[in-house]
Amino acid sequence: MVGLAVLFVAAPIFVFSQQNLTTNVSQKDEQAAAREYFIREYVIGPRDLLEIKVFELPEFDQTVRVSENGTITLPLIGNVEVWGLTKEKLEKKLASLLDKYVKNAQVSVFIKEYQSSRVAIIGAVEKPGMYELVGRQTLLQMISQAGGFKETAANEIYVLRESEDGNTASIAIDLEDLLLNGNQKLNIPIQPNDVINVPVDKQIIIYVFGEVRNPGALQVKRSQKITLLKAIAQAGGLTENASKRGITIKRKDQNGKEINIKVNLNDIIKGKTKDIPLKEGDVVIVKESIF
């Protein structure tokens, strides 16, 4: 399926460069943060299964299911209304109710099963937060509930989905393919407990000077993966005096040393050479033809 990739977080990842290593670590951190957000902001509802522990009162430890009216029954304190509370708020409420038995009780709540149909939408959307999943909803319908994408949204977004074995799958969605090309296969149905993560894209600057119609700095999204041909096009294209053989890309390596990459644009246009991806801070210089 074009544009759609499923990566299992629990699976081993093999990397072969420092850049790929950084990308994989960053993506894994984002996925962990997204799952933590869902757990932290999830609102408890009927049929959720809660594991409750009190450090000072081991006999209080219980695994209970929330009733249809949103309550649980616990030793010492009886019925407790939990519907509408987050994990943290319930911990504080139980600690307060136990105050006459134990001062400053250390209560922990772990949600073992999520039964309420909620979805977390985080990142570069207008109204990030938790949303009720009513009926069948697609990715774009849920994004619409969150006010749509911000201009800073990255081109690739992720739907994090927990499987029955506890592993988390990260489904990558190419927004350009979905929105511009109309690939509806990427407008996937959303399931309860999904986390829709819309990363904030970084703006990078590429410089194009010399024989182009609009020389200067180009500000582009990193996820657009700008190439030499795209940069020249965005700079208005070549002038009549430009030399397609006289193009240089100035780039600094990891040690800060400047390197010069000589390019024959004719070879790229004819398909003899692959187009060259540009990096942040690259300077493209198009020389004047001597003929």
Protein backbone atom coordinates (compact mmCIF):
# COMPACT_ATOMS: atom_id res chain seq x y z
CA MET A 1 0.00 0.00 0.00
CA VAL A 2 1.59 3.27 -1.11
CA GLY A 3 2.21 5.74 1.69
CA LEU A 4 1.13 3.42 4.50
CA ALA A 5 3.65 1.69 6.70
CA VAL A 6 3.22 -0.31 9.91
CA LEU A 7 6.12 -0.44 12.33
CA PHE A 8 5.93 -2.64 15.43
CA VAL A 9 7.63 -0.85 18.29
CA ALA A 10 8.49 -4.09 20.07
CA ALA A 11 10.35 -5.43 17.05
CA PRO A 12 14.14 -4.99 16.79
CA ILE A 13 15.33 -2.05 14.70
CA PHE A 14 18.60 -2.23 12.75
CA VAL A 15 20.26 1.09 11.90
CA PHE A 16 23.28 1.76 9.76
CA SER A 17 24.07 5.46 10.25
CA GLN A 18 24.08 8.13 12.91
CA GLN A 19 21.30 10.00 11.11
CA ASN A 20 19.03 6.92 11.00
CA LEU A 21 19.84 6.17 14.65
CA THR A 22 18.78 9.68 15.67
CA THR A 23 15.57 9.40 13.63
CA ASN A 24 14.59 6.03 15.13
CA VAL A 25 15.31 7.12 18.70
CA SER A 26 13.35 10.34 18.18
CA GLN A 27 10.38 8.48 16.68
CA LYS A 28 10.38 5.96 19.52
CA ASP A 29 10.45 8.79 22.08
CA GLU A 30 7.51 10.47 20.32
CA GLN A 31 5.53 7.24 20.37
CA ALA A 32 6.22 6.73 24.08
CA ALA A 33 5.22 10.33 24.83
CA ALA A 34 2.01 9.91 22.82
CA ARG A 35 1.06 6.74 24.71
CA GLU A 36 1.84 8.45 28.04
CA TYR A 37 -0.41 11.33 27.01
CA PHE A 38 -3.27 8.93 26.31
CA ILE A 39 -2.87 7.20 29.70
CA ARG A 40 -2.61 10.52 31.54
CA GLU A 41 -5.59 12.20 29.87
CA TYR A 42 -7.88 9.17 29.48
CA VAL A 43 -11.22 9.72 31.21
CA ILE A 44 -12.42 6.64 33.09
CA GLY A 45 -15.82 5.28 32.09
CA PRO A 46 -18.16 2.27 32.46
CA ARG A 47 -16.65 -1.21 32.05
CA ASP A 48 -13.04 -0.03 32.42
CA LEU A 49 -10.98 -2.44 34.53
CA LEU A 50 -8.93 -0.73 37.25
CA GLU A 51 -6.09 -2.09 39.35
CA ILE A 52 -5.86 -0.08 42.58
CA LYS A 53 -3.02 -0.31 45.08
CA VAL A 54 -2.32 1.53 48.34
CA PHE A 55 1.27 1.29 49.54
CA GLU A 56 0.34 1.62 53.21
CA LEU A 57 -2.68 -0.75 53.00
CA PRO A 58 -1.89 -3.93 51.03
CA GLU A 59 -5.28 -5.36 52.05
CA PHE A 60 -6.90 -2.51 50.11
CA ASP A 61 -5.39 -3.64 46.79
CA GLN A 62 -8.19 -4.44 44.37
CA THR A 63 -8.87 -5.08 40.70
CA VAL A 64 -12.35 -3.76 39.98
CA ARG A 65 -14.50 -3.09 36.95
CA VAL A 66 -16.37 0.20 36.68
CA SER A 67 -20.13 -0.36 36.79
CA GLU A 68 -22.56 0.89 34.15
CA ASN A 69 -23.39 3.88 36.37
CA GLY A 70 -19.70 4.79 36.68
CA THR A 71 -18.92 3.62 40.22
CA ILE A 72 -16.66 1.10 41.93
CA THR A 73 -16.94 -0.52 45.35
CA LEU A 74 -13.88 -0.66 47.61
CA PRO A 75 -13.15 -1.86 51.16
CA LEU A 76 -13.45 0.75 53.93
CA ILE A 77 -14.88 3.50 51.72
CA GLY A 78 -17.70 1.72 49.83
CA ASN A 79 -19.07 3.11 46.56
CA VAL A 80 -16.92 5.65 44.75
CA GLU A 81 -17.97 7.56 41.64
CA VAL A 82 -15.12 7.42 39.13
CA TRP A 83 -16.80 8.21 35.82
CA GLY A 84 -15.23 11.30 34.24
CA LEU A 85 -12.03 11.19 36.28
CA THR A 86 -8.52 10.78 34.93
CA LYS A 87 -6.10 8.31 36.51
CA GLU A 88 -4.39 11.08 38.50
CA LYS A 89 -7.65 12.62 39.72
CA LEU A 90 -8.90 9.23 40.90
CA GLU A 91 -5.66 8.62 42.79
CA LYS A 92 -6.10 11.94 44.60
CA LYS A 93 -9.78 11.25 45.33
CA LEU A 94 -9.03 7.84 46.84
CA ALA A 95 -6.17 9.25 48.91
CA SER A 96 -8.55 11.88 50.27
CA LEU A 97 -11.24 9.27 51.12
CA LEU A 98 -8.63 7.14 52.91
CA ASP A 99 -7.28 10.08 54.87
CA LYS A 100 -9.09 9.07 58.08
CA TYR A 101 -7.35 5.67 57.94
CA VAL A 102 -3.95 6.65 56.51
CA LYS A 103 -2.52 10.15 56.24
CA ASN A 104 -1.17 11.03 52.79
CA ALA A 105 -1.82 7.56 51.41
CA GLN A 106 0.18 6.64 48.32
CA VAL A 107 -2.47 5.42 45.87
CA SER A 108 -1.74 4.10 42.39
CA VAL A 109 -4.33 3.39 39.72
CA PHE A 110 -3.53 1.29 36.65
CA ILE A 111 -6.12 0.99 33.89
CA LYS A 112 -5.84 -2.63 32.79
CA GLU A 113 -8.64 -2.54 30.22
CA TYR A 114 -10.00 0.45 28.33
CA GLN A 115 -13.65 0.03 27.44
CA SER A 116 -14.72 3.62 26.80
CA SER A 117 -14.35 4.62 23.16
CA ARG A 118 -11.89 7.49 23.28
CA VAL A 119 -9.11 8.67 20.99
CA ALA A 120 -6.21 11.00 21.78
CA ILE A 121 -5.18 13.56 19.15
CA ILE A 122 -1.93 15.34 19.90
CA GLY A 123 0.60 17.59 18.21
CA ALA A 124 0.08 20.10 15.40
CA VAL A 125 -3.73 20.29 15.36
CA GLU A 126 -5.85 23.26 16.38
CA LYS A 127 -7.50 21.56 19.40
CA PRO A 128 -5.43 18.64 20.72
CA GLY A 129 -7.06 16.47 23.38
CA MET A 130 -9.22 13.43 24.06
CA TYR A 131 -12.21 12.78 21.78
CA GLU A 132 -15.17 10.41 22.02
CA LEU A 133 -15.27 7.87 19.20
CA VAL A 134 -18.92 7.63 18.15
CA GLY A 135 -19.65 5.04 15.47
CA ARG A 136 -17.27 4.53 12.58
CA GLN A 137 -14.89 7.45 12.20
CA THR A 138 -11.99 7.82 9.78
CA LEU A 139 -8.66 9.54 10.37
CA LEU A 140 -9.70 12.77 8.61
CA GLN A 141 -13.04 12.88 10.44
CA MET A 142 -11.24 12.72 13.79
CA ILE A 143 -8.72 15.36 12.69
CA SER A 144 -11.67 17.55 11.69
CA GLN A 145 -13.08 17.25 15.23
CA ALA A 146 -9.74 18.52 16.49
CA GLY A 147 -10.02 21.63 14.31
CA GLY A 148 -7.83 20.42 11.47
CA PHE A 149 -4.09 20.55 10.92
CA LYS A 150 -1.92 23.52 11.81
CA GLU A 151 0.42 24.95 9.17
CA THR A 152 3.32 23.49 11.14
CA ALA A 153 2.06 19.90 10.75
CA ALA A 154 4.61 17.46 9.36
CA ASN A 155 3.92 15.61 6.12
CA GLU A 156 3.96 12.27 7.89
CA ILE A 157 1.68 11.57 10.86
CA TYR A 158 1.29 8.46 13.00
CA VAL A 159 -1.61 6.44 14.39
CA LEU A 160 -0.47 4.46 17.44
CA ARG A 161 -2.52 1.34 18.02
CA GLU A 162 -2.14 -1.20 20.82
CA SER A 163 -2.64 -4.85 19.85
CA GLU A 164 -4.09 -7.62 22.01
CA ASP A 165 -0.60 -8.84 22.96
CA GLY A 166 0.29 -5.42 24.37
CA ASN A 167 2.61 -4.33 21.55
CA THR A 168 2.09 -0.93 19.97
CA ALA A 169 1.96 -0.55 16.19
CA SER A 170 2.83 2.77 14.61
CA ILE A 171 0.92 3.36 11.35
CA ALA A 172 2.63 6.05 9.27
CA ILE A 173 0.38 8.15 7.01
CA ASP A 174 1.75 10.28 4.17
CA LEU A 175 -0.41 13.42 4.20
CA GLU A 176 0.63 14.55 0.73
CA ASP A 177 -0.50 11.23 -0.71
CA LEU A 178 -3.74 11.36 1.28
CA LEU A 179 -4.71 15.01 0.82
CA LEU A 180 -3.17 16.01 -2.52
CA ASN A 181 -3.29 12.70 -4.38
CA GLY A 182 -6.59 11.67 -2.81
CA ASN A 183 -5.38 8.21 -1.76
CA GLN A 184 -8.38 7.20 0.35
CA LYS A 185 -6.70 3.95 1.39
CA LEU A 186 -4.73 6.12 3.82
CA ASN A 187 -7.91 7.56 5.39
CA ILE A 188 -8.00 4.59 7.75
CA PRO A 189 -10.81 3.82 10.24
CA ILE A 190 -9.89 4.87 13.78
CA GLN A 191 -10.29 2.41 16.64
CA PRO A 192 -10.93 2.99 20.35
CA ASN A 193 -7.78 3.94 22.30
CA ASP A 194 -5.87 5.01 19.19
CA VAL A 195 -3.43 7.89 19.55
CA ILE A 196 -3.19 10.18 16.51
CA ASN A 197 0.18 11.91 16.67
CA VAL A 198 0.72 14.89 14.34
CA PRO A 199 4.38 15.89 14.71
CA VAL A 200 5.39 19.52 14.38
CA ASP A 201 7.54 19.92 11.30
CA LYS A 202 10.79 21.85 11.41
CA GLN A 203 11.36 24.70 9.02
CA ILE A 204 14.78 24.60 7.33
CA ILE A 205 16.51 27.15 5.12
CA ILE A 206 18.19 26.44 1.78
CA TYR A 207 20.02 29.17 -0.16
CA VAL A 208 20.00 29.45 -3.95
CA PHE A 209 22.22 32.10 -5.56
CA GLY A 210 23.48 32.98 -9.00
CA GLU A 211 21.66 32.51 -12.28
CA VAL A 212 18.12 31.86 -11.01
CA ARG A 213 15.18 34.22 -11.35
CA ASN A 214 14.55 34.69 -7.60
CA PRO A 215 17.84 34.15 -5.78
CA GLY A 216 17.87 34.09 -1.97
CA ALA A 217 16.78 31.98 0.96
CA LEU A 218 14.09 29.29 0.67
CA GLN A 219 12.21 28.27 3.80
CA VAL A 220 10.77 24.77 3.51
CA LYS A 221 9.49 22.01 5.74
CA ARG A 222 12.03 19.30 6.51
CA SER A 223 9.44 16.62 5.69
CA GLN A 224 9.11 17.95 2.12
CA LYS A 225 12.53 16.43 1.42
CA ILE A 226 13.60 19.19 -0.93
CA THR A 227 15.97 18.28 -3.76
CA LEU A 228 18.20 20.33 -6.06
CA LEU A 229 15.62 20.42 -8.87
CA LYS A 230 12.84 21.44 -6.47
CA ALA A 231 14.99 24.19 -4.94
CA ILE A 232 15.84 25.65 -8.34
CA ALA A 233 12.17 25.52 -9.33
CA GLN A 234 11.14 27.30 -6.11
CA ALA A 235 13.78 29.94 -6.84
CA GLY A 236 11.95 30.72 -10.09
CA GLY A 237 13.97 28.46 -12.37
CA LEU A 238 17.17 29.09 -14.30
CA THR A 239 17.86 32.31 -16.18
CA GLU A 240 18.75 32.27 -19.88
CA ASN A 241 22.41 32.77 -18.95
CA ALA A 242 22.59 29.88 -16.50
CA SER A 243 25.03 27.01 -16.99
CA LYS A 244 23.40 23.67 -16.28
CA ARG A 245 26.86 22.18 -15.96
CA GLY A 246 28.11 24.86 -13.60
CA ILE A 247 26.17 24.16 -10.41
CA THR A 248 27.83 23.79 -7.01
CA ILE A 249 26.28 22.75 -3.72
CA LYS A 250 28.21 24.07 -0.71
CA ARG A 251 27.63 21.97 2.41
CA LYS A 252 29.22 21.68 5.84
CA ASP A 253 30.03 18.20 7.10
CA GLN A 254 29.62 16.97 10.70
CA ASN A 255 32.92 18.61 11.65
CA GLY A 256 31.92 21.97 10.21
CA LYS A 257 34.24 21.67 7.22
CA GLU A 258 32.85 23.03 3.96
CA ILE A 259 32.61 20.63 1.03
CA ASN A 260 31.75 21.47 -2.57
CA ILE A 261 29.54 19.15 -4.61
CA LYS A 262 29.77 19.73 -8.38
CA VAL A 263 26.59 18.92 -10.28
CA ASN A 264 25.67 18.64 -13.94
CA LEU A 265 21.95 19.44 -14.00
CA ASN A 266 21.59 18.00 -17.50
CA ASP A 267 22.42 14.52 -16.17
CA ILE A 268 19.68 14.80 -13.53
CA ILE A 269 17.11 16.07 -16.02
CA LYS A 270 17.92 13.23 -18.45
CA GLY A 271 17.72 10.64 -15.67
CA LYS A 272 21.40 9.69 -15.87
CA THR A 273 21.95 10.83 -12.27
CA LYS A 274 19.53 10.87 -9.34
CA ASP A 275 18.29 14.21 -8.07
CA ILE A 276 20.26 15.33 -5.01
CA PRO A 277 18.48 15.74 -1.65
CA LEU A 278 19.43 19.02 0.02
CA LYS A 279 20.14 19.53 3.69
CA GLU A 280 19.56 22.42 6.07
CA GLY A 281 21.99 25.26 5.39
CA ASP A 282 23.01 24.05 1.91
CA VAL A 283 24.01 26.80 -0.52
CA VAL A 284 23.28 26.20 -4.21
CA ILE A 285 25.27 28.34 -6.63
CA VAL A 286 24.31 28.44 -10.32
CA LYS A 287 27.09 29.87 -12.45
CA GLU A 288 26.72 31.92 -15.60
CA SER A 289 27.35 30.16 -18.88
CA ILE A 290 30.50 31.35 -20.66
CA PHE A 291 28.98 30.70 -24.08
